[in-house]
């Protein structure tokens, strides 16, 4: 049962889930902050904002293949950690932009980070899932991630209402940085490489646990 899986895997779900919530918040946070910042702070029209978002999305999509190569050749964390650190840096640049070009450049940094992290969280979840309860584990894993994805607009709105919109960008950047550090130091590397002849099957990748 799902309850049994949650209890048996509570440590993995707590640590990995916390990191995933932060990661999904920054992944969805830009979709709220970039258009609002462009319209309300910079006074850009719908066409300019649409162009910025389109360039960001194009960068994201163009890096899907690279994300898979990095994950499978070097390790999951080699894609996850740079992905969220780059997104956090790009989000932190947003409040300092003063025109459409600056916002475009910050958005491209975010798109770069998001692109090299494509598919990483579900791949990590599949690696962490116990073989005897893979479906149940992944269901809970995805639910946790969706909570972060859904919560991002709420956090942005609450901070912007309490302070200002640029402050919301900095808060989302800080959440992304927290996710980066959690993935880097608290979540194990899950890529398993084929063992050399005479070695143990399923030997973890260098740096893995």
N, C-alpha and C. Protein backbone atom coordinates (compact mmCIF):
# COMPACT_ATOMS: atom_id res chain seq x y z
N UNK A 1 0.83 -1.20 0.00
CA UNK A 1 0.00 0.00 0.00
C UNK A 1 0.86 1.25 0.00
N UNK A 2 0.28 2.35 -0.48
CA UNK A 2 1.03 3.60 -0.56
C UNK A 2 1.52 4.02 0.82
N UNK A 3 0.67 3.84 1.83
CA UNK A 3 1.05 4.22 3.19
C UNK A 3 2.29 3.46 3.64
N UNK A 4 2.35 2.18 3.34
CA UNK A 4 3.50 1.37 3.72
C UNK A 4 4.77 1.83 3.00
N UNK A 5 4.62 2.19 1.74
CA UNK A 5 5.77 2.67 0.97
C UNK A 5 6.29 3.98 1.56
N UNK A 6 5.37 4.88 1.90
CA UNK A 6 5.76 6.16 2.48
C UNK A 6 6.51 5.96 3.80
N UNK A 7 6.01 5.06 4.62
CA UNK A 7 6.67 4.80 5.91
C UNK A 7 8.04 4.16 5.71
N UNK A 8 8.13 3.20 4.78
CA UNK A 8 9.39 2.51 4.56
C UNK A 8 10.44 3.42 3.92
N UNK A 9 9.99 4.35 3.08
CA UNK A 9 10.91 5.23 2.34
C UNK A 9 10.85 6.67 2.86
N UNK A 10 10.46 6.86 4.11
CA UNK A 10 10.21 8.21 4.61
C UNK A 10 11.45 9.09 4.58
N UNK A 11 12.62 8.55 4.84
CA UNK A 11 13.82 9.38 4.83
C UNK A 11 14.15 9.84 3.41
N UNK A 12 14.09 8.91 2.48
CA UNK A 12 14.36 9.26 1.08
C UNK A 12 13.35 10.28 0.57
N UNK A 13 12.08 10.05 0.88
CA UNK A 13 11.03 10.97 0.41
C UNK A 13 11.13 12.32 1.10
N UNK A 14 11.55 12.33 2.35
CA UNK A 14 11.65 13.60 3.08
C UNK A 14 12.78 14.46 2.52
N UNK A 15 13.97 13.88 2.37
CA UNK A 15 15.13 14.65 1.91
C UNK A 15 15.02 14.94 0.41
N UNK A 16 14.82 13.88 -0.38
CA UNK A 16 14.69 14.08 -1.81
C UNK A 16 13.46 14.89 -2.17
N UNK A 17 12.37 14.67 -1.43
CA UNK A 17 11.15 15.42 -1.70
C UNK A 17 11.30 16.90 -1.39
N UNK A 18 11.99 17.22 -0.30
CA UNK A 18 12.21 18.62 0.05
C UNK A 18 13.00 19.33 -1.05
N UNK A 19 14.06 18.66 -1.52
CA UNK A 19 14.86 19.23 -2.60
C UNK A 19 14.02 19.37 -3.87
N UNK A 20 13.17 18.38 -4.13
CA UNK A 20 12.35 18.42 -5.33
C UNK A 20 11.33 19.56 -5.28
N UNK A 21 10.76 19.81 -4.11
CA UNK A 21 9.80 20.92 -3.97
C UNK A 21 10.48 22.24 -4.33
N UNK A 22 11.68 22.46 -3.80
CA UNK A 22 12.41 23.69 -4.12
C UNK A 22 12.75 23.78 -5.60
N UNK A 23 13.17 22.64 -6.18
CA UNK A 23 13.50 22.64 -7.59
C UNK A 23 12.30 22.94 -8.47
N UNK A 24 11.16 22.33 -8.16
CA UNK A 24 9.97 22.57 -8.95
C UNK A 24 9.44 23.99 -8.77
N UNK A 25 9.70 24.58 -7.60
CA UNK A 25 9.28 25.97 -7.39
C UNK A 25 10.00 26.92 -8.32
N UNK A 26 11.31 26.73 -8.48
CA UNK A 26 12.03 27.65 -9.36
C UNK A 26 11.71 27.34 -10.81
N UNK A 27 11.40 26.08 -11.11
CA UNK A 27 11.04 25.73 -12.49
C UNK A 27 9.73 26.38 -12.92
N UNK A 28 8.80 26.51 -12.01
CA UNK A 28 7.52 27.13 -12.36
C UNK A 28 7.49 28.61 -11.98
N UNK A 29 8.39 29.01 -11.08
CA UNK A 29 8.40 30.40 -10.64
C UNK A 29 8.71 31.38 -11.76
N UNK A 30 9.61 30.98 -12.67
CA UNK A 30 9.98 31.91 -13.74
C UNK A 30 8.79 32.19 -14.66
N UNK A 31 7.91 31.20 -14.83
CA UNK A 31 6.76 31.37 -15.72
C UNK A 31 5.80 32.43 -15.19
N UNK A 32 5.87 32.71 -13.89
CA UNK A 32 5.05 33.76 -13.29
C UNK A 32 5.82 35.08 -13.24
N UNK A 33 7.08 35.00 -12.81
CA UNK A 33 7.84 36.21 -12.54
C UNK A 33 8.24 36.94 -13.83
N UNK A 34 8.72 36.22 -14.83
CA UNK A 34 9.20 36.88 -16.05
C UNK A 34 8.11 37.73 -16.71
N UNK A 35 6.91 37.19 -16.98
CA UNK A 35 5.87 38.03 -17.58
C UNK A 35 5.43 39.19 -16.68
N UNK A 36 5.28 38.93 -15.38
CA UNK A 36 4.84 39.99 -14.47
C UNK A 36 5.89 41.09 -14.36
N UNK A 37 7.14 40.69 -14.25
CA UNK A 37 8.22 41.68 -14.14
C UNK A 37 8.32 42.50 -15.41
N UNK A 38 8.22 41.81 -16.55
CA UNK A 38 8.29 42.53 -17.82
C UNK A 38 7.17 43.53 -17.97
N UNK A 39 5.96 43.17 -17.57
CA UNK A 39 4.80 44.05 -17.74
C UNK A 39 4.74 45.13 -16.66
N UNK A 40 4.85 44.75 -15.40
CA UNK A 40 4.60 45.68 -14.29
C UNK A 40 5.80 46.55 -13.94
N UNK A 41 7.01 45.99 -14.08
CA UNK A 41 8.20 46.75 -13.69
C UNK A 41 8.84 47.44 -14.89
N UNK A 42 8.99 46.70 -15.99
CA UNK A 42 9.66 47.27 -17.17
C UNK A 42 8.69 47.91 -18.15
N UNK A 43 7.41 47.64 -18.00
CA UNK A 43 6.43 48.23 -18.90
C UNK A 43 6.47 47.69 -20.32
N UNK A 44 6.88 46.44 -20.50
CA UNK A 44 6.96 45.84 -21.84
C UNK A 44 5.57 45.45 -22.32
N UNK A 45 5.39 45.45 -23.63
CA UNK A 45 4.11 45.04 -24.19
C UNK A 45 4.06 43.52 -24.33
N UNK A 46 2.90 43.00 -24.71
CA UNK A 46 2.70 41.55 -24.78
C UNK A 46 3.62 40.90 -25.80
N UNK A 47 3.90 41.59 -26.90
CA UNK A 47 4.77 41.03 -27.92
C UNK A 47 6.19 40.82 -27.43
N UNK A 48 6.72 41.82 -26.71
CA UNK A 48 8.09 41.71 -26.20
C UNK A 48 8.20 40.60 -25.15
N UNK A 49 7.20 40.53 -24.27
CA UNK A 49 7.21 39.48 -23.25
C UNK A 49 7.10 38.11 -23.90
N UNK A 50 6.23 37.98 -24.91
CA UNK A 50 6.09 36.72 -25.61
C UNK A 50 7.37 36.29 -26.29
N UNK A 51 8.11 37.25 -26.85
CA UNK A 51 9.39 36.93 -27.48
C UNK A 51 10.39 36.41 -26.47
N UNK A 52 10.47 37.07 -25.32
CA UNK A 52 11.40 36.64 -24.27
C UNK A 52 11.08 35.23 -23.81
N UNK A 53 9.81 34.96 -23.54
CA UNK A 53 9.41 33.63 -23.08
C UNK A 53 9.66 32.60 -24.17
N UNK A 54 9.45 32.95 -25.44
CA UNK A 54 9.67 32.02 -26.54
C UNK A 54 11.15 31.65 -26.66
N UNK A 55 12.04 32.63 -26.51
CA UNK A 55 13.49 32.36 -26.57
C UNK A 55 13.89 31.46 -25.42
N UNK A 56 13.36 31.74 -24.23
CA UNK A 56 13.65 30.88 -23.08
C UNK A 56 13.21 29.45 -23.34
N UNK A 57 12.01 29.27 -23.85
CA UNK A 57 11.48 27.94 -24.11
C UNK A 57 12.29 27.23 -25.19
N UNK A 58 12.73 27.97 -26.21
CA UNK A 58 13.54 27.38 -27.28
C UNK A 58 14.86 26.86 -26.73
N UNK A 59 15.49 27.63 -25.84
CA UNK A 59 16.74 27.17 -25.22
C UNK A 59 16.50 25.92 -24.39
N UNK A 60 15.40 25.93 -23.67
CA UNK A 60 15.04 24.79 -22.83
C UNK A 60 14.90 23.52 -23.68
N UNK A 61 14.11 23.59 -24.73
CA UNK A 61 13.84 22.42 -25.57
C UNK A 61 15.10 21.94 -26.28
N UNK A 62 15.94 22.87 -26.70
CA UNK A 62 17.14 22.49 -27.46
C UNK A 62 18.15 21.71 -26.63
N UNK A 63 17.99 21.72 -25.32
CA UNK A 63 18.97 21.06 -24.45
C UNK A 63 18.47 19.74 -23.88
N UNK A 64 17.30 19.27 -24.32
CA UNK A 64 16.77 18.01 -23.81
C UNK A 64 17.76 16.87 -24.01
N UNK A 65 18.30 16.76 -25.22
CA UNK A 65 19.21 15.65 -25.52
C UNK A 65 20.48 15.72 -24.66
N UNK A 66 21.02 16.94 -24.53
CA UNK A 66 22.22 17.11 -23.72
C UNK A 66 21.98 16.69 -22.27
N UNK A 67 20.78 17.00 -21.77
CA UNK A 67 20.45 16.62 -20.39
C UNK A 67 20.55 15.10 -20.23
N UNK A 68 20.01 14.36 -21.19
CA UNK A 68 20.07 12.90 -21.11
C UNK A 68 21.49 12.38 -21.20
N UNK A 69 22.30 12.98 -22.06
CA UNK A 69 23.70 12.55 -22.19
C UNK A 69 24.46 12.77 -20.89
N UNK A 70 24.28 13.95 -20.29
CA UNK A 70 24.97 14.25 -19.03
C UNK A 70 24.56 13.27 -17.95
N UNK A 71 23.26 13.01 -17.83
CA UNK A 71 22.77 12.11 -16.78
C UNK A 71 23.33 10.70 -16.94
N UNK A 72 23.33 10.20 -18.17
CA UNK A 72 23.72 8.81 -18.39
C UNK A 72 25.22 8.61 -18.47
N UNK A 73 25.96 9.66 -18.83
CA UNK A 73 27.41 9.51 -18.97
C UNK A 73 28.15 9.87 -17.69
N UNK A 74 27.71 10.92 -17.02
CA UNK A 74 28.45 11.41 -15.86
C UNK A 74 27.74 11.16 -14.53
N UNK A 75 26.42 11.17 -14.53
CA UNK A 75 25.68 10.97 -13.30
C UNK A 75 24.51 11.92 -13.20
N UNK A 76 23.52 11.54 -12.41
CA UNK A 76 22.31 12.36 -12.28
C UNK A 76 22.62 13.73 -11.68
N UNK A 77 23.47 13.75 -10.66
CA UNK A 77 23.75 15.00 -9.97
C UNK A 77 24.56 15.97 -10.83
N UNK A 78 25.26 15.44 -11.84
CA UNK A 78 26.01 16.30 -12.74
C UNK A 78 25.08 17.15 -13.60
N UNK A 79 23.84 16.72 -13.74
CA UNK A 79 22.84 17.52 -14.45
C UNK A 79 21.99 18.31 -13.46
N UNK A 80 21.61 17.68 -12.35
CA UNK A 80 20.68 18.31 -11.41
C UNK A 80 21.31 19.53 -10.73
N UNK A 81 22.50 19.38 -10.19
CA UNK A 81 23.11 20.47 -9.43
C UNK A 81 23.40 21.69 -10.31
N UNK A 82 24.06 21.53 -11.48
CA UNK A 82 24.23 22.72 -12.34
C UNK A 82 22.90 23.31 -12.79
N UNK A 83 21.91 22.46 -13.05
CA UNK A 83 20.62 22.94 -13.53
C UNK A 83 20.01 23.95 -12.56
N UNK A 84 19.89 23.57 -11.31
CA UNK A 84 19.21 24.45 -10.35
C UNK A 84 20.09 25.60 -9.89
N UNK A 85 21.40 25.41 -9.90
CA UNK A 85 22.28 26.53 -9.55
C UNK A 85 22.24 27.61 -10.64
N UNK A 86 22.21 27.19 -11.92
CA UNK A 86 22.13 28.16 -13.02
C UNK A 86 20.78 28.86 -13.01
N UNK A 87 19.70 28.10 -12.79
CA UNK A 87 18.38 28.73 -12.72
C UNK A 87 18.30 29.74 -11.58
N UNK A 88 18.89 29.39 -10.44
CA UNK A 88 18.88 30.32 -9.30
C UNK A 88 19.63 31.60 -9.62
N UNK A 89 20.78 31.44 -10.30
CA UNK A 89 21.57 32.62 -10.68
C UNK A 89 20.77 33.50 -11.65
N UNK A 90 20.13 32.87 -12.63
CA UNK A 90 19.33 33.64 -13.59
C UNK A 90 18.17 34.36 -12.93
N UNK A 91 17.51 33.68 -11.99
CA UNK A 91 16.39 34.30 -11.28
C UNK A 91 16.88 35.47 -10.42
N UNK A 92 18.05 35.34 -9.81
CA UNK A 92 18.59 36.41 -8.98
C UNK A 92 18.97 37.64 -9.82
N UNK A 93 19.21 37.45 -11.12
CA UNK A 93 19.56 38.56 -11.99
C UNK A 93 18.33 39.39 -12.39
N UNK A 94 17.16 38.77 -12.35
CA UNK A 94 15.94 39.43 -12.84
C UNK A 94 15.70 40.79 -12.18
N UNK A 95 15.79 40.93 -10.85
CA UNK A 95 15.48 42.23 -10.23
C UNK A 95 16.46 43.34 -10.63
N UNK A 96 17.60 42.98 -11.21
CA UNK A 96 18.60 43.98 -11.57
C UNK A 96 18.53 44.38 -13.04
N UNK A 97 17.59 43.79 -13.78
CA UNK A 97 17.43 44.15 -15.18
C UNK A 97 16.63 45.44 -15.30
N UNK A 98 17.02 46.25 -16.28
CA UNK A 98 16.37 47.56 -16.45
C UNK A 98 15.74 47.74 -17.82
N UNK A 99 15.77 46.69 -18.63
CA UNK A 99 15.19 46.79 -19.97
C UNK A 99 14.95 45.42 -20.56
N UNK A 100 14.38 45.37 -21.76
CA UNK A 100 14.05 44.08 -22.36
C UNK A 100 15.27 43.20 -22.63
N UNK A 101 16.39 43.81 -23.03
CA UNK A 101 17.59 43.02 -23.32
C UNK A 101 18.10 42.34 -22.05
N UNK A 102 18.13 43.08 -20.96
CA UNK A 102 18.58 42.49 -19.70
C UNK A 102 17.68 41.36 -19.25
N UNK A 103 16.37 41.57 -19.36
CA UNK A 103 15.44 40.52 -18.97
C UNK A 103 15.58 39.30 -19.88
N UNK A 104 15.83 39.53 -21.17
CA UNK A 104 16.05 38.43 -22.11
C UNK A 104 17.29 37.63 -21.72
N UNK A 105 18.36 38.31 -21.38
CA UNK A 105 19.60 37.61 -21.00
C UNK A 105 19.40 36.81 -19.71
N UNK A 106 18.73 37.41 -18.73
CA UNK A 106 18.44 36.67 -17.49
C UNK A 106 17.56 35.47 -17.79
N UNK A 107 16.58 35.66 -18.66
CA UNK A 107 15.70 34.56 -19.04
C UNK A 107 16.44 33.46 -19.77
N UNK A 108 17.42 33.82 -20.59
CA UNK A 108 18.20 32.80 -21.30
C UNK A 108 19.04 31.98 -20.33
N UNK A 109 19.54 32.62 -19.29
CA UNK A 109 20.28 31.87 -18.26
C UNK A 109 19.35 30.87 -17.58
N UNK A 110 18.14 31.31 -17.26
CA UNK A 110 17.16 30.41 -16.64
C UNK A 110 16.81 29.26 -17.60
N UNK A 111 16.60 29.59 -18.89
CA UNK A 111 16.29 28.56 -19.87
C UNK A 111 17.41 27.56 -20.03
N UNK A 112 18.66 28.04 -19.98
CA UNK A 112 19.82 27.14 -20.05
C UNK A 112 19.81 26.16 -18.88
N UNK A 113 19.60 26.69 -17.68
CA UNK A 113 19.58 25.84 -16.50
C UNK A 113 18.44 24.84 -16.54
N UNK A 114 17.27 25.29 -16.95
CA UNK A 114 16.12 24.40 -17.00
C UNK A 114 16.32 23.31 -18.05
N UNK A 115 16.95 23.68 -19.17
CA UNK A 115 17.13 22.71 -20.24
C UNK A 115 18.05 21.55 -19.86
N UNK A 116 19.17 21.85 -19.19
CA UNK A 116 20.10 20.78 -18.86
C UNK A 116 19.61 19.93 -17.69
N UNK A 117 18.49 20.36 -17.09
CA UNK A 117 17.90 19.55 -16.02
C UNK A 117 16.64 18.83 -16.45
N UNK A 118 16.35 18.82 -17.75
CA UNK A 118 15.12 18.20 -18.25
C UNK A 118 15.07 16.70 -17.91
N UNK A 119 14.00 16.30 -17.28
CA UNK A 119 13.81 14.88 -16.97
C UNK A 119 14.60 14.35 -15.80
N UNK A 120 15.39 15.23 -15.16
CA UNK A 120 16.28 14.74 -14.11
C UNK A 120 15.54 14.26 -12.86
N UNK A 121 14.50 14.98 -12.47
CA UNK A 121 13.84 14.65 -11.21
C UNK A 121 13.06 13.33 -11.29
N UNK A 122 12.41 13.09 -12.43
CA UNK A 122 11.70 11.82 -12.57
C UNK A 122 12.69 10.67 -12.73
N UNK A 123 13.83 10.94 -13.40
CA UNK A 123 14.87 9.90 -13.51
C UNK A 123 15.43 9.57 -12.14
N UNK A 124 15.69 10.60 -11.34
CA UNK A 124 16.18 10.38 -9.97
C UNK A 124 15.15 9.60 -9.17
N UNK A 125 13.87 9.95 -9.29
CA UNK A 125 12.83 9.23 -8.58
C UNK A 125 12.77 7.76 -8.98
N UNK A 126 12.91 7.48 -10.28
CA UNK A 126 12.91 6.09 -10.75
C UNK A 126 14.11 5.32 -10.20
N UNK A 127 15.24 6.00 -10.07
CA UNK A 127 16.44 5.35 -9.50
C UNK A 127 16.25 5.04 -8.02
N UNK A 128 15.63 5.97 -7.30
CA UNK A 128 15.46 5.81 -5.85
C UNK A 128 14.34 4.84 -5.49
N UNK A 129 13.42 4.61 -6.42
CA UNK A 129 12.24 3.79 -6.12
C UNK A 129 12.62 2.35 -5.84
N UNK A 130 12.05 1.73 -4.80
CA UNK A 130 12.29 0.31 -4.54
C UNK A 130 11.65 -0.53 -5.63
N UNK A 131 12.32 -1.60 -6.03
CA UNK A 131 11.84 -2.42 -7.16
C UNK A 131 10.48 -3.02 -6.89
N UNK A 132 10.19 -3.34 -5.63
CA UNK A 132 8.94 -4.03 -5.30
C UNK A 132 7.75 -3.06 -5.19
N UNK A 133 8.02 -1.75 -5.21
CA UNK A 133 6.93 -0.78 -5.08
C UNK A 133 7.23 0.45 -5.91
N UNK A 134 7.70 0.24 -7.12
CA UNK A 134 8.13 1.36 -7.96
C UNK A 134 6.98 2.31 -8.29
N UNK A 135 5.84 1.76 -8.67
CA UNK A 135 4.71 2.60 -9.07
C UNK A 135 4.21 3.46 -7.90
N UNK A 136 4.09 2.85 -6.72
CA UNK A 136 3.60 3.59 -5.55
C UNK A 136 4.58 4.70 -5.17
N UNK A 137 5.88 4.38 -5.19
CA UNK A 137 6.90 5.36 -4.82
C UNK A 137 6.87 6.53 -5.79
N UNK A 138 6.82 6.23 -7.10
CA UNK A 138 6.84 7.29 -8.10
C UNK A 138 5.57 8.14 -8.04
N UNK A 139 4.46 7.53 -7.65
CA UNK A 139 3.24 8.31 -7.48
C UNK A 139 3.39 9.35 -6.39
N UNK A 140 3.95 8.93 -5.25
CA UNK A 140 4.17 9.86 -4.13
C UNK A 140 5.23 10.89 -4.51
N UNK A 141 6.28 10.43 -5.17
CA UNK A 141 7.37 11.32 -5.60
C UNK A 141 6.85 12.43 -6.51
N UNK A 142 5.99 12.03 -7.46
CA UNK A 142 5.43 13.02 -8.39
C UNK A 142 4.47 13.97 -7.66
N UNK A 143 3.73 13.44 -6.71
CA UNK A 143 2.81 14.29 -5.94
C UNK A 143 3.57 15.36 -5.17
N UNK A 144 4.71 14.99 -4.59
CA UNK A 144 5.53 15.95 -3.86
C UNK A 144 6.04 17.03 -4.82
N UNK A 145 6.52 16.60 -5.98
CA UNK A 145 7.00 17.56 -6.96
C UNK A 145 5.92 18.51 -7.44
N UNK A 146 4.72 17.95 -7.65
CA UNK A 146 3.60 18.79 -8.10
C UNK A 146 3.21 19.82 -7.03
N UNK A 147 3.43 19.47 -5.76
CA UNK A 147 3.15 20.43 -4.69
C UNK A 147 4.06 21.65 -4.82
N UNK A 148 5.33 21.42 -5.13
CA UNK A 148 6.25 22.53 -5.34
C UNK A 148 5.91 23.33 -6.59
N UNK A 149 5.54 22.63 -7.65
CA UNK A 149 5.18 23.28 -8.91
C UNK A 149 3.96 24.17 -8.73
N UNK A 150 2.96 23.64 -8.00
CA UNK A 150 1.73 24.40 -7.77
C UNK A 150 1.94 25.53 -6.78
N UNK A 151 2.84 25.32 -5.83
CA UNK A 151 3.05 26.31 -4.79
C UNK A 151 3.84 27.53 -5.24
N UNK A 152 4.58 27.43 -6.35
CA UNK A 152 5.42 28.54 -6.79
C UNK A 152 4.63 29.83 -7.02
N UNK A 153 3.52 29.80 -7.78
CA UNK A 153 2.76 31.05 -7.97
C UNK A 153 2.22 31.61 -6.66
N UNK A 154 1.87 30.73 -5.71
CA UNK A 154 1.37 31.20 -4.42
C UNK A 154 2.46 31.94 -3.66
N UNK A 155 3.68 31.39 -3.69
CA UNK A 155 4.79 32.04 -3.00
C UNK A 155 5.11 33.38 -3.65
N UNK A 156 5.17 33.39 -4.98
CA UNK A 156 5.45 34.63 -5.70
C UNK A 156 4.40 35.69 -5.36
N UNK A 157 3.12 35.31 -5.39
CA UNK A 157 2.06 36.26 -5.10
C UNK A 157 2.12 36.77 -3.68
N UNK A 158 2.38 35.87 -2.72
CA UNK A 158 2.42 36.28 -1.31
C UNK A 158 3.56 37.24 -1.04
N UNK A 159 4.77 36.92 -1.57
CA UNK A 159 5.92 37.79 -1.34
C UNK A 159 5.74 39.13 -2.04
N UNK A 160 5.24 39.09 -3.29
CA UNK A 160 5.02 40.34 -4.02
C UNK A 160 3.99 41.22 -3.32
N UNK A 161 2.98 40.59 -2.74
CA UNK A 161 1.94 41.35 -2.03
C UNK A 161 2.49 41.94 -0.74
N UNK A 162 3.34 41.17 -0.09
CA UNK A 162 3.91 41.61 1.19
C UNK A 162 5.01 42.66 0.97
N UNK A 163 5.85 42.43 -0.03
CA UNK A 163 6.98 43.32 -0.32
C UNK A 163 6.80 43.92 -1.72
N UNK A 164 7.64 43.46 -2.65
CA UNK A 164 7.54 43.89 -4.05
C UNK A 164 7.86 42.70 -4.93
N UNK A 165 7.53 42.78 -6.22
CA UNK A 165 7.77 41.68 -7.14
C UNK A 165 9.25 41.30 -7.26
N UNK A 166 10.19 42.27 -7.34
CA UNK A 166 11.61 41.88 -7.39
C UNK A 166 12.04 41.05 -6.18
N UNK A 167 11.45 41.32 -5.02
CA UNK A 167 11.78 40.53 -3.83
C UNK A 167 11.32 39.08 -4.01
N UNK A 168 10.20 38.89 -4.68
CA UNK A 168 9.71 37.54 -4.93
C UNK A 168 10.70 36.76 -5.79
N UNK A 169 11.31 37.43 -6.77
CA UNK A 169 12.32 36.77 -7.61
C UNK A 169 13.51 36.32 -6.77
N UNK A 170 13.92 37.15 -5.83
CA UNK A 170 15.06 36.80 -4.97
C UNK A 170 14.70 35.65 -4.04
N UNK A 171 13.47 35.62 -3.55
CA UNK A 171 13.02 34.52 -2.68
C UNK A 171 13.02 33.22 -3.46
N UNK A 172 12.50 33.22 -4.69
CA UNK A 172 12.49 32.01 -5.51
C UNK A 172 13.92 31.57 -5.82
N UNK A 173 14.81 32.53 -6.07
CA UNK A 173 16.22 32.20 -6.31
C UNK A 173 16.84 31.53 -5.09
N UNK A 174 16.51 32.05 -3.89
CA UNK A 174 17.03 31.46 -2.66
C UNK A 174 16.50 30.04 -2.45
N UNK A 175 15.23 29.83 -2.78
CA UNK A 175 14.65 28.48 -2.68
C UNK A 175 15.35 27.54 -3.64
N UNK A 176 15.63 28.01 -4.85
CA UNK A 176 16.35 27.19 -5.82
C UNK A 176 17.76 26.86 -5.35
N UNK A 177 18.42 27.82 -4.71
CA UNK A 177 19.76 27.57 -4.17
C UNK A 177 19.71 26.53 -3.06
N UNK A 178 18.67 26.62 -2.21
CA UNK A 178 18.51 25.61 -1.17
C UNK A 178 18.32 24.22 -1.75
N UNK A 179 17.54 24.13 -2.83
CA UNK A 179 17.35 22.84 -3.50
C UNK A 179 18.67 22.33 -4.07
N UNK A 180 19.46 23.24 -4.64
CA UNK A 180 20.76 22.86 -5.21
C UNK A 180 21.66 22.25 -4.14
N UNK A 181 21.75 22.91 -2.99
CA UNK A 181 22.62 22.42 -1.92
C UNK A 181 22.13 21.09 -1.37
N UNK A 182 20.80 20.92 -1.27
CA UNK A 182 20.25 19.66 -0.78
C UNK A 182 20.57 18.52 -1.74
N UNK A 183 20.38 18.76 -3.02
CA UNK A 183 20.71 17.73 -4.02
C UNK A 183 22.20 17.41 -4.00
N UNK A 184 23.03 18.45 -3.83
CA UNK A 184 24.47 18.24 -3.89
C UNK A 184 25.00 17.45 -2.70
N UNK A 185 24.48 17.72 -1.50
CA UNK A 185 25.10 17.16 -0.30
C UNK A 185 24.25 16.14 0.46
N UNK A 186 22.95 16.08 0.20
CA UNK A 186 22.10 15.19 0.99
C UNK A 186 21.46 14.07 0.18
N UNK A 187 21.44 14.20 -1.14
CA UNK A 187 20.83 13.17 -1.99
C UNK A 187 21.95 12.39 -2.67
N UNK A 188 21.92 11.06 -2.63
CA UNK A 188 23.01 10.27 -3.21
C UNK A 188 22.98 10.27 -4.73
N UNK A 189 24.15 10.06 -5.33
CA UNK A 189 24.22 9.82 -6.77
C UNK A 189 23.64 8.43 -7.05
N UNK A 190 22.75 8.33 -8.02
CA UNK A 190 22.04 7.06 -8.24
C UNK A 190 22.44 6.36 -9.52
N UNK A 191 23.32 6.96 -10.33
CA UNK A 191 23.75 6.28 -11.55
C UNK A 191 24.60 5.07 -11.19
N UNK A 192 24.26 3.92 -11.75
CA UNK A 192 25.04 2.71 -11.52
C UNK A 192 25.71 2.31 -12.82
N UNK A 193 27.03 2.14 -12.78
CA UNK A 193 27.78 1.77 -13.97
C UNK A 193 28.03 0.27 -13.99
N UNK A 194 28.12 -0.32 -15.19
CA UNK A 194 28.48 -1.74 -15.26
C UNK A 194 29.85 -1.96 -14.63
N UNK A 195 29.94 -3.00 -13.85
CA UNK A 195 31.20 -3.28 -13.17
C UNK A 195 32.23 -3.82 -14.15
N UNK A 196 33.53 -3.51 -13.94
CA UNK A 196 34.56 -4.12 -14.76
C UNK A 196 34.63 -5.62 -14.51
N UNK A 197 35.30 -6.33 -15.39
CA UNK A 197 35.40 -7.78 -15.25
C UNK A 197 36.01 -8.11 -13.90
N UNK A 198 35.32 -8.96 -13.15
CA UNK A 198 35.79 -9.33 -11.83
C UNK A 198 35.30 -8.42 -10.74
N UNK A 199 34.58 -7.33 -11.10
CA UNK A 199 34.07 -6.41 -10.10
C UNK A 199 32.66 -6.76 -9.72
N UNK A 200 32.12 -6.02 -8.76
CA UNK A 200 30.77 -6.27 -8.27
C UNK A 200 29.76 -5.60 -9.20
N UNK A 201 28.73 -6.33 -9.56
CA UNK A 201 27.69 -5.76 -10.42
C UNK A 201 26.95 -4.66 -9.68
N UNK A 202 26.67 -3.57 -10.42
CA UNK A 202 25.90 -2.49 -9.80
C UNK A 202 26.76 -1.56 -8.97
N UNK A 203 28.08 -1.53 -9.26
CA UNK A 203 28.95 -0.63 -8.52
C UNK A 203 28.57 0.81 -8.77
N UNK A 204 28.43 1.63 -7.73
CA UNK A 204 27.98 3.00 -7.94
C UNK A 204 29.01 3.83 -8.68
N UNK A 205 28.55 4.87 -9.33
CA UNK A 205 29.43 5.79 -10.02
C UNK A 205 30.32 6.50 -9.01
N UNK A 206 31.47 7.02 -9.46
CA UNK A 206 32.34 7.77 -8.55
C UNK A 206 31.57 8.89 -7.88
N UNK A 207 31.71 8.99 -6.58
CA UNK A 207 31.01 10.02 -5.85
C UNK A 207 29.65 9.57 -5.35
N UNK A 208 29.19 8.40 -5.81
CA UNK A 208 27.87 7.91 -5.38
C UNK A 208 27.98 7.22 -4.04
N UNK A 209 26.81 6.94 -3.45
CA UNK A 209 26.78 6.25 -2.15
C UNK A 209 25.86 5.05 -2.26
